Amino acid sequence: MDKNKKEKLMPVVVRISQEKKDKLKELAEKQGKTEADIIREGIERMINISMYKSDLDYISSKIKESINVDLKKFYES
């Protein structure tokens, strides 16, 4: 996210185990960030990964279609 953009942030409640909460707190302290920042970054990463994977799957399917068309033409000739 562009730091210059002001987006309206919406509250979200997430329930996690005490062990994960402790790890989250430790990670935030090590990185000099808040726990909320770490959570937001994690969500953003997962969204980006999911979108990238979706795009990659689409591109891969189009390449396979193209190869199959070319192979069909080759075998029919």
PDB file of N, CA and C in Angstrom:
ATOM      1  N   MET A   1       0.838  -1.181   0.000  1.00  0.00           N
ATOM      2  CA  MET A   1       0.000   0.000   0.000  1.00  0.00           C
ATOM      3  C   MET A   1       0.880   1.239   0.000  1.00  0.00           C
ATOM      4  N   ASP A   2       0.480   2.232  -0.780  1.00  0.00           N
ATOM      5  CA  ASP A   2       1.196   3.493  -0.845  1.00  0.00           C
ATOM      6  C   ASP A   2       1.008   4.243   0.471  1.00  0.00           C
ATOM      7  N   LYS A   3       2.107   4.575   1.109  1.00  0.00           N
ATOM      8  CA  LYS A   3       2.049   5.233   2.423  1.00  0.00           C
ATOM      9  C   LYS A   3       1.385   6.608   2.340  1.00  0.00           C
ATOM     10  N   ASN A   4       1.382   7.216   1.139  1.00  0.00           N
ATOM     11  CA  ASN A   4       0.795   8.542   0.983  1.00  0.00           C
ATOM     12  C   ASN A   4      -0.721   8.495   0.863  1.00  0.00           C
ATOM     13  N   LYS A   5      -1.274   7.349   0.527  1.00  0.00           N
ATOM     14  CA  LYS A   5      -2.720   7.203   0.398  1.00  0.00           C
ATOM     15  C   LYS A   5      -3.327   7.055   1.785  1.00  0.00           C
ATOM     16  N   LYS A   6      -4.439   7.704   1.977  1.00  0.00           N
ATOM     17  CA  LYS A   6      -5.166   7.583   3.238  1.00  0.00           C
ATOM     18  C   LYS A   6      -6.386   6.710   2.978  1.00  0.00           C
ATOM     19  N   GLU A   7      -6.297   5.465   3.408  1.00  0.00           N
ATOM     20  CA  GLU A   7      -7.407   4.551   3.277  1.00  0.00           C
ATOM     21  C   GLU A   7      -8.138   4.483   4.609  1.00  0.00           C
ATOM     22  N   LYS A   8      -9.439   4.308   4.528  1.00  0.00           N
ATOM     23  CA  LYS A   8     -10.209   4.117   5.750  1.00  0.00           C
ATOM     24  C   LYS A   8      -9.958   2.692   6.222  1.00  0.00           C
ATOM     25  N   LEU A   9      -9.458   2.552   7.431  1.00  0.00           N
ATOM     26  CA  LEU A   9      -9.172   1.249   7.993  1.00  0.00           C
ATOM     27  C   LEU A   9     -10.388   0.752   8.760  1.00  0.00           C
ATOM     28  N   MET A  10     -10.712  -0.498   8.537  1.00  0.00           N
ATOM     29  CA  MET A  10     -11.875  -1.114   9.166  1.00  0.00           C
ATOM     30  C   MET A  10     -11.410  -2.089  10.238  1.00  0.00           C
ATOM     31  N   PRO A  11     -12.085  -2.093  11.378  1.00  0.00           N
ATOM     32  CA  PRO A  11     -11.685  -3.029  12.440  1.00  0.00           C
ATOM     33  C   PRO A  11     -12.081  -4.458  12.095  1.00  0.00           C
ATOM     34  N   VAL A  12     -11.220  -5.396  12.464  1.00  0.00           N
ATOM     35  CA  VAL A  12     -11.465  -6.819  12.255  1.00  0.00           C
ATOM     36  C   VAL A  12     -11.019  -7.540  13.526  1.00  0.00           C
ATOM     37  N   VAL A  13     -11.814  -8.465  13.973  1.00  0.00           N
ATOM     38  CA  VAL A  13     -11.461  -9.238  15.160  1.00  0.00           C
ATOM     39  C   VAL A  13     -10.978 -10.610  14.705  1.00  0.00           C
ATOM     40  N   VAL A  14      -9.810 -11.003  15.194  1.00  0.00           N
ATOM     41  CA  VAL A  14      -9.239 -12.305  14.862  1.00  0.00           C
ATOM     42  C   VAL A  14      -8.875 -12.986  16.171  1.00  0.00           C
ATOM     43  N   ARG A  15      -9.311 -14.215  16.307  1.00  0.00           N
ATOM     44  CA  ARG A  15      -8.984 -14.972  17.523  1.00  0.00           C
ATOM     45  C   ARG A  15      -7.836 -15.925  17.193  1.00  0.00           C
ATOM     46  N   ILE A  16      -6.775 -15.844  17.995  1.00  0.00           N
ATOM     47  CA  ILE A  16      -5.613 -16.707  17.812  1.00  0.00           C
ATOM     48  C   ILE A  16      -5.216 -17.290  19.171  1.00  0.00           C
ATOM     49  N   SER A  17      -4.421 -18.327  19.123  1.00  0.00           N
ATOM     50  CA  SER A  17      -3.973 -18.955  20.368  1.00  0.00           C
ATOM     51  C   SER A  17      -2.993 -18.032  21.094  1.00  0.00           C
ATOM     52  N   GLN A  18      -2.827 -18.281  22.379  1.00  0.00           N
ATOM     53  CA  GLN A  18      -1.889 -17.488  23.175  1.00  0.00           C
ATOM     54  C   GLN A  18      -0.477 -17.639  22.625  1.00  0.00           C
ATOM     55  N   GLU A  19      -0.136 -18.850  22.165  1.00  0.00           N
ATOM     56  CA  GLU A  19       1.193 -19.096  21.605  1.00  0.00           C
ATOM     57  C   GLU A  19       1.443 -18.211  20.379  1.00  0.00           C
ATOM     58  N   LYS A  20       0.456 -18.131  19.488  1.00  0.00           N
ATOM     59  CA  LYS A  20       0.611 -17.278  18.304  1.00  0.00           C
ATOM     60  C   LYS A  20       0.657 -15.810  18.698  1.00  0.00           C
ATOM     61  N   LYS A  21      -0.117 -15.443  19.682  1.00  0.00           N
ATOM     62  CA  LYS A  21      -0.120 -14.054  20.166  1.00  0.00           C
ATOM     63  C   LYS A  21       1.250 -13.684  20.713  1.00  0.00           C
ATOM     64  N   ASP A  22       1.857 -14.598  21.461  1.00  0.00           N
ATOM     65  CA  ASP A  22       3.198 -14.349  22.004  1.00  0.00           C
ATOM     66  C   ASP A  22       4.223 -14.199  20.878  1.00  0.00           C
ATOM     67  N   LYS A  23       4.115 -15.061  19.867  1.00  0.00           N
ATOM     68  CA  LYS A  23       5.036 -14.981  18.722  1.00  0.00           C
ATOM     69  C   LYS A  23       4.824 -13.683  17.956  1.00  0.00           C
ATOM     70  N   LEU A  24       3.578 -13.283  17.801  1.00  0.00           N
ATOM     71  CA  LEU A  24       3.256 -12.029  17.123  1.00  0.00           C
ATOM     72  C   LEU A  24       3.858 -10.843  17.874  1.00  0.00           C
ATOM     73  N   LYS A  25       3.716 -10.849  19.186  1.00  0.00           N
ATOM     74  CA  LYS A  25       4.271  -9.773  20.007  1.00  0.00           C
ATOM     75  C   LYS A  25       5.789  -9.733  19.885  1.00  0.00           C
ATOM     76  N   GLU A  26       6.417 -10.898  19.926  1.00  0.00           N
ATOM     77  CA  GLU A  26       7.877 -10.985  19.810  1.00  0.00           C
ATOM     78  C   GLU A  26       8.349 -10.463  18.447  1.00  0.00           C
ATOM     79  N   LEU A  27       7.654 -10.871  17.398  1.00  0.00           N
ATOM     80  CA  LEU A  27       8.010 -10.423  16.047  1.00  0.00           C
ATOM     81  C   LEU A  27       7.856  -8.911  15.920  1.00  0.00           C
ATOM     82  N   ALA A  28       6.768  -8.383  16.440  1.00  0.00           N
ATOM     83  CA  ALA A  28       6.533  -6.940  16.382  1.00  0.00           C
ATOM     84  C   ALA A  28       7.635  -6.179  17.109  1.00  0.00           C
ATOM     85  N   GLU A  29       8.024  -6.679  18.275  1.00  0.00           N
ATOM     86  CA  GLU A  29       9.093  -6.021  19.036  1.00  0.00           C
ATOM     87  C   GLU A  29      10.415  -6.054  18.278  1.00  0.00           C
ATOM     88  N   LYS A  30      10.730  -7.207  17.663  1.00  0.00           N
ATOM     89  CA  LYS A  30      11.980  -7.331  16.908  1.00  0.00           C
ATOM     90  C   LYS A  30      12.026  -6.374  15.729  1.00  0.00           C
ATOM     91  N   GLN A  31      10.867  -6.170  15.090  1.00  0.00           N
ATOM     92  CA  GLN A  31      10.820  -5.325  13.898  1.00  0.00           C
ATOM     93  C   GLN A  31      10.489  -3.866  14.207  1.00  0.00           C
ATOM     94  N   GLY A  32      10.244  -3.569  15.477  1.00  0.00           N
ATOM     95  CA  GLY A  32       9.924  -2.201  15.860  1.00  0.00           C
ATOM     96  C   GLY A  32       8.587  -1.740  15.299  1.00  0.00           C
ATOM     97  N   LYS A  33       7.642  -2.655  15.219  1.00  0.00           N
ATOM     98  CA  LYS A  33       6.320  -2.345  14.679  1.00  0.00           C
ATOM     99  C   LYS A  33       5.269  -2.742  15.699  1.00  0.00           C
ATOM    100  N   THR A  34       4.051  -2.351  15.416  1.00  0.00           N
ATOM    101  CA  THR A  34       2.958  -2.783  16.268  1.00  0.00           C
ATOM    102  C   THR A  34       2.461  -4.151  15.803  1.00  0.00           C
ATOM    103  N   GLU A  35       1.774  -4.847  16.687  1.00  0.00           N
ATOM    104  CA  GLU A  35       1.201  -6.133  16.317  1.00  0.00           C
ATOM    105  C   GLU A  35       0.203  -5.956  15.162  1.00  0.00           C
ATOM    106  N   ALA A  36      -0.553  -4.866  15.204  1.00  0.00           N
ATOM    107  CA  ALA A  36      -1.522  -4.589  14.133  1.00  0.00           C
ATOM    108  C   ALA A  36      -0.816  -4.420  12.789  1.00  0.00           C
ATOM    109  N   ASP A  37       0.354  -3.755  12.790  1.00  0.00           N
ATOM    110  CA  ASP A  37       1.115  -3.589  11.546  1.00  0.00           C
ATOM    111  C   ASP A  37       1.546  -4.939  10.988  1.00  0.00           C
ATOM    112  N   ILE A  38       2.012  -5.823  11.860  1.00  0.00           N
ATOM    113  CA  ILE A  38       2.452  -7.151  11.433  1.00  0.00           C
ATOM    114  C   ILE A  38       1.267  -7.915  10.834  1.00  0.00           C
ATOM    115  N   ILE A  39       0.127  -7.842  11.485  1.00  0.00           N
ATOM    116  CA  ILE A  39      -1.074  -8.532  10.988  1.00  0.00           C
ATOM    117  C   ILE A  39      -1.491  -7.966   9.635  1.00  0.00           C
ATOM    118  N   ARG A  40      -1.526  -6.631   9.517  1.00  0.00           N
ATOM    119  CA  ARG A  40      -1.897  -6.000   8.236  1.00  0.00           C
ATOM    120  C   ARG A  40      -0.947  -6.420   7.121  1.00  0.00           C
ATOM    121  N   GLU A  41       0.359  -6.422   7.410  1.00  0.00           N
ATOM    122  CA  GLU A  41       1.338  -6.824   6.399  1.00  0.00           C
ATOM    123  C   GLU A  41       1.135  -8.280   5.981  1.00  0.00           C
ATOM    124  N   GLY A  42       0.844  -9.128   6.951  1.00  0.00           N
ATOM    125  CA  GLY A  42       0.607 -10.541   6.646  1.00  0.00           C
ATOM    126  C   GLY A  42      -0.616 -10.727   5.762  1.00  0.00           C
ATOM    127  N   ILE A  43      -1.670 -10.001   6.070  1.00  0.00           N
ATOM    128  CA  ILE A  43      -2.888 -10.081   5.255  1.00  0.00           C
ATOM    129  C   ILE A  43      -2.603  -9.588   3.844  1.00  0.00           C
ATOM    130  N   GLU A  44      -1.906  -8.473   3.738  1.00  0.00           N
ATOM    131  CA  GLU A  44      -1.572  -7.908   2.420  1.00  0.00           C
ATOM    132  C   GLU A  44      -0.739  -8.892   1.592  1.00  0.00           C
ATOM    133  N   ARG A  45       0.241  -9.526   2.233  1.00  0.00           N
ATOM    134  CA  ARG A  45       1.074 -10.513   1.534  1.00  0.00           C
ATOM    135  C   ARG A  45       0.238 -11.675   1.015  1.00  0.00           C
ATOM    136  N   MET A  46      -0.642 -12.194   1.866  1.00  0.00           N
ATOM    137  CA  MET A  46      -1.459 -13.340   1.461  1.00  0.00           C
ATOM    138  C   MET A  46      -2.404 -12.974   0.322  1.00  0.00           C
ATOM    139  N   ILE A  47      -2.959 -11.780   0.362  1.00  0.00           N
ATOM    140  CA  ILE A  47      -3.818 -11.334  -0.736  1.00  0.00           C
ATOM    141  C   ILE A  47      -3.013 -11.246  -2.019  1.00  0.00           C
ATOM    142  N   ASN A  48      -1.823 -10.656  -1.952  1.00  0.00           N
ATOM    143  CA  ASN A  48      -0.978 -10.541  -3.135  1.00  0.00           C
ATOM    144  C   ASN A  48      -0.582 -11.905  -3.680  1.00  0.00           C
ATOM    145  N   ILE A  49      -0.238 -12.830  -2.799  1.00  0.00           N
ATOM    146  CA  ILE A  49       0.135 -14.181  -3.225  1.00  0.00           C
ATOM    147  C   ILE A  49      -1.046 -14.870  -3.893  1.00  0.00           C
ATOM    148  N   SER A  50      -2.215 -14.737  -3.309  1.00  0.00           N
ATOM    149  CA  SER A  50      -3.415 -15.367  -3.882  1.00  0.00           C
ATOM    150  C   SER A  50      -3.731 -14.791  -5.256  1.00  0.00           C
ATOM    151  N   MET A  51      -3.613 -13.481  -5.393  1.00  0.00           N
ATOM    152  CA  MET A  51      -3.879 -12.852  -6.688  1.00  0.00           C
ATOM    153  C   MET A  51      -2.837 -13.287  -7.711  1.00  0.00           C
ATOM    154  N   TYR A  52      -1.576 -13.336  -7.310  1.00  0.00           N
ATOM    155  CA  TYR A  52      -0.505 -13.763  -8.204  1.00  0.00           C
ATOM    156  C   TYR A  52      -0.739 -15.195  -8.662  1.00  0.00           C
ATOM    157  N   LYS A  53      -1.102 -16.071  -7.731  1.00  0.00           N
ATOM    158  CA  LYS A  53      -1.351 -17.466  -8.063  1.00  0.00           C
ATOM    159  C   LYS A  53      -2.521 -17.589  -9.025  1.00  0.00           C
ATOM    160  N   SER A  54      -3.563 -16.823  -8.789  1.00  0.00           N
ATOM    161  CA  SER A  54      -4.730 -16.832  -9.668  1.00  0.00           C
ATOM    162  C   SER A  54      -4.333 -16.386 -11.074  1.00  0.00           C
ATOM    163  N   ASP A  55      -3.559 -15.315 -11.164  1.00  0.00           N
ATOM    164  CA  ASP A  55      -3.084 -14.831 -12.469  1.00  0.00           C
ATOM    165  C   ASP A  55      -2.201 -15.870 -13.142  1.00  0.00           C
ATOM    166  N   LEU A  56      -1.334 -16.494 -12.372  1.00  0.00           N
ATOM    167  CA  LEU A  56      -0.427 -17.510 -12.907  1.00  0.00           C
ATOM    168  C   LEU A  56      -1.207 -18.720 -13.413  1.00  0.00           C
ATOM    169  N   ASP A  57      -2.225 -19.138 -12.667  1.00  0.00           N
ATOM    170  CA  ASP A  57      -3.064 -20.255 -13.101  1.00  0.00           C
ATOM    171  C   ASP A  57      -3.770 -19.924 -14.415  1.00  0.00           C
ATOM    172  N   TYR A  58      -4.267 -18.696 -14.540  1.00  0.00           N
ATOM    173  CA  TYR A  58      -4.941 -18.274 -15.765  1.00  0.00           C
ATOM    174  C   TYR A  58      -3.973 -18.287 -16.949  1.00  0.00           C
ATOM    175  N   ILE A  59      -2.807 -17.705 -16.760  1.00  0.00           N
ATOM    176  CA  ILE A  59      -1.802 -17.666 -17.830  1.00  0.00           C
ATOM    177  C   ILE A  59      -1.385 -19.076 -18.216  1.00  0.00           C
ATOM    178  N   SER A  60      -1.178 -19.923 -17.230  1.00  0.00           N
ATOM    179  CA  SER A  60      -0.786 -21.307 -17.481  1.00  0.00           C
ATOM    180  C   SER A  60      -1.850 -22.034 -18.292  1.00  0.00           C
ATOM    181  N   SER A  61      -3.118 -21.823 -17.958  1.00  0.00           N
ATOM    182  CA  SER A  61      -4.188 -22.489 -18.711  1.00  0.00           C
ATOM    183  C   SER A  61      -4.231 -22.003 -20.151  1.00  0.00           C
ATOM    184  N   LYS A  62      -3.986 -20.729 -20.392  1.00  0.00           N
ATOM    185  CA  LYS A  62      -3.978 -20.189 -21.751  1.00  0.00           C
ATOM    186  C   LYS A  62      -2.799 -20.746 -22.559  1.00  0.00           C
ATOM    187  N   ILE A  63      -1.648 -20.892 -21.917  1.00  0.00           N
ATOM    188  CA  ILE A  63      -0.483 -21.474 -22.595  1.00  0.00           C
ATOM    189  C   ILE A  63      -0.770 -22.930 -22.968  1.00  0.00           C
ATOM    190  N   LYS A  64      -1.360 -23.674 -22.036  1.00  0.00           N
ATOM    191  CA  LYS A  64      -1.706 -25.074 -22.313  1.00  0.00           C
ATOM    192  C   LYS A  64      -2.690 -25.180 -23.465  1.00  0.00           C
ATOM    193  N   GLU A  65      -3.682 -24.295 -23.493  1.00  0.00           N
ATOM    194  CA  GLU A  65      -4.646 -24.286 -24.598  1.00  0.00           C
ATOM    195  C   GLU A  65      -3.934 -24.056 -25.924  1.00  0.00           C
ATOM    196  N   SER A  66      -3.041 -23.106 -25.939  1.00  0.00           N
ATOM    197  CA  SER A  66      -2.307 -22.780 -27.164  1.00  0.00           C
ATOM    198  C   SER A  66      -1.456 -23.961 -27.619  1.00  0.00           C
ATOM    199  N   ILE A  67      -0.780 -24.599 -26.684  1.00  0.00           N
ATOM    200  CA  ILE A  67       0.052 -25.765 -27.015  1.00  0.00           C
ATOM    201  C   ILE A  67      -0.817 -26.884 -27.563  1.00  0.00           C
ATOM    202  N   ASN A  68      -1.965 -27.120 -26.929  1.00  0.00           N
ATOM    203  CA  ASN A  68      -2.858 -28.185 -27.392  1.00  0.00           C
ATOM    204  C   ASN A  68      -3.375 -27.913 -28.802  1.00  0.00           C
ATOM    205  N   VAL A  69      -3.692 -26.663 -29.115  1.00  0.00           N
ATOM    206  CA  VAL A  69      -4.143 -26.306 -30.462  1.00  0.00           C
ATOM    207  C   VAL A  69      -3.028 -26.568 -31.467  1.00  0.00           C
ATOM    208  N   ASP A  70      -1.823 -26.155 -31.118  1.00  0.00           N
ATOM    209  CA  ASP A  70      -0.686 -26.360 -32.017  1.00  0.00           C
ATOM    210  C   ASP A  70      -0.383 -27.847 -32.194  1.00  0.00           C
ATOM    211  N   LEU A  71      -0.445 -28.616 -31.124  1.00  0.00           N
ATOM    212  CA  LEU A  71      -0.196 -30.052 -31.222  1.00  0.00           C
ATOM    213  C   LEU A  71      -1.266 -30.735 -32.062  1.00  0.00           C
ATOM    214  N   LYS A  72      -2.500 -30.308 -31.900  1.00  0.00           N
ATOM    215  CA  LYS A  72      -3.581 -30.889 -32.680  1.00  0.00           C
ATOM    216  C   LYS A  72      -3.345 -30.631 -34.176  1.00  0.00           C
ATOM    217  N   LYS A  73      -2.956 -29.409 -34.517  1.00  0.00           N
ATOM    218  CA  LYS A  73      -2.659 -29.066 -35.915  1.00  0.00           C
ATOM    219  C   LYS A  73      -1.500 -29.912 -36.427  1.00  0.00           C
ATOM    220  N   PHE A  74      -0.495 -30.104 -35.586  1.00  0.00           N
ATOM    221  CA  PHE A  74       0.678 -30.882 -35.981  1.00  0.00           C
ATOM    222  C   PHE A  74       0.281 -32.339 -36.258  1.00  0.00           C
ATOM    223  N   TYR A  75      -0.497 -32.931 -35.362  1.00  0.00           N
ATOM    224  CA  TYR A  75      -0.888 -34.324 -35.514  1.00  0.00           C
ATOM    225  C   TYR A  75      -1.844 -34.537 -36.689  1.00  0.00           C
ATOM    226  N   GLU A  76      -2.642 -33.520 -36.998  1.00  0.00           N
ATOM    227  CA  GLU A  76      -3.581 -33.650 -38.101  1.00  0.00           C
ATOM    228  C   GLU A  76      -2.923 -33.430 -39.457  1.00  0.00           C
ATOM    229  N   SER A  77      -1.734 -32.897 -39.491  1.00  0.00           N
ATOM    230  CA  SER A  77      -1.071 -32.636 -40.781  1.00  0.00           C
ATOM    231  C   SER A  77      -0.306 -33.830 -41.272  1.00  0.00           C
TER     232      SER A  77
END
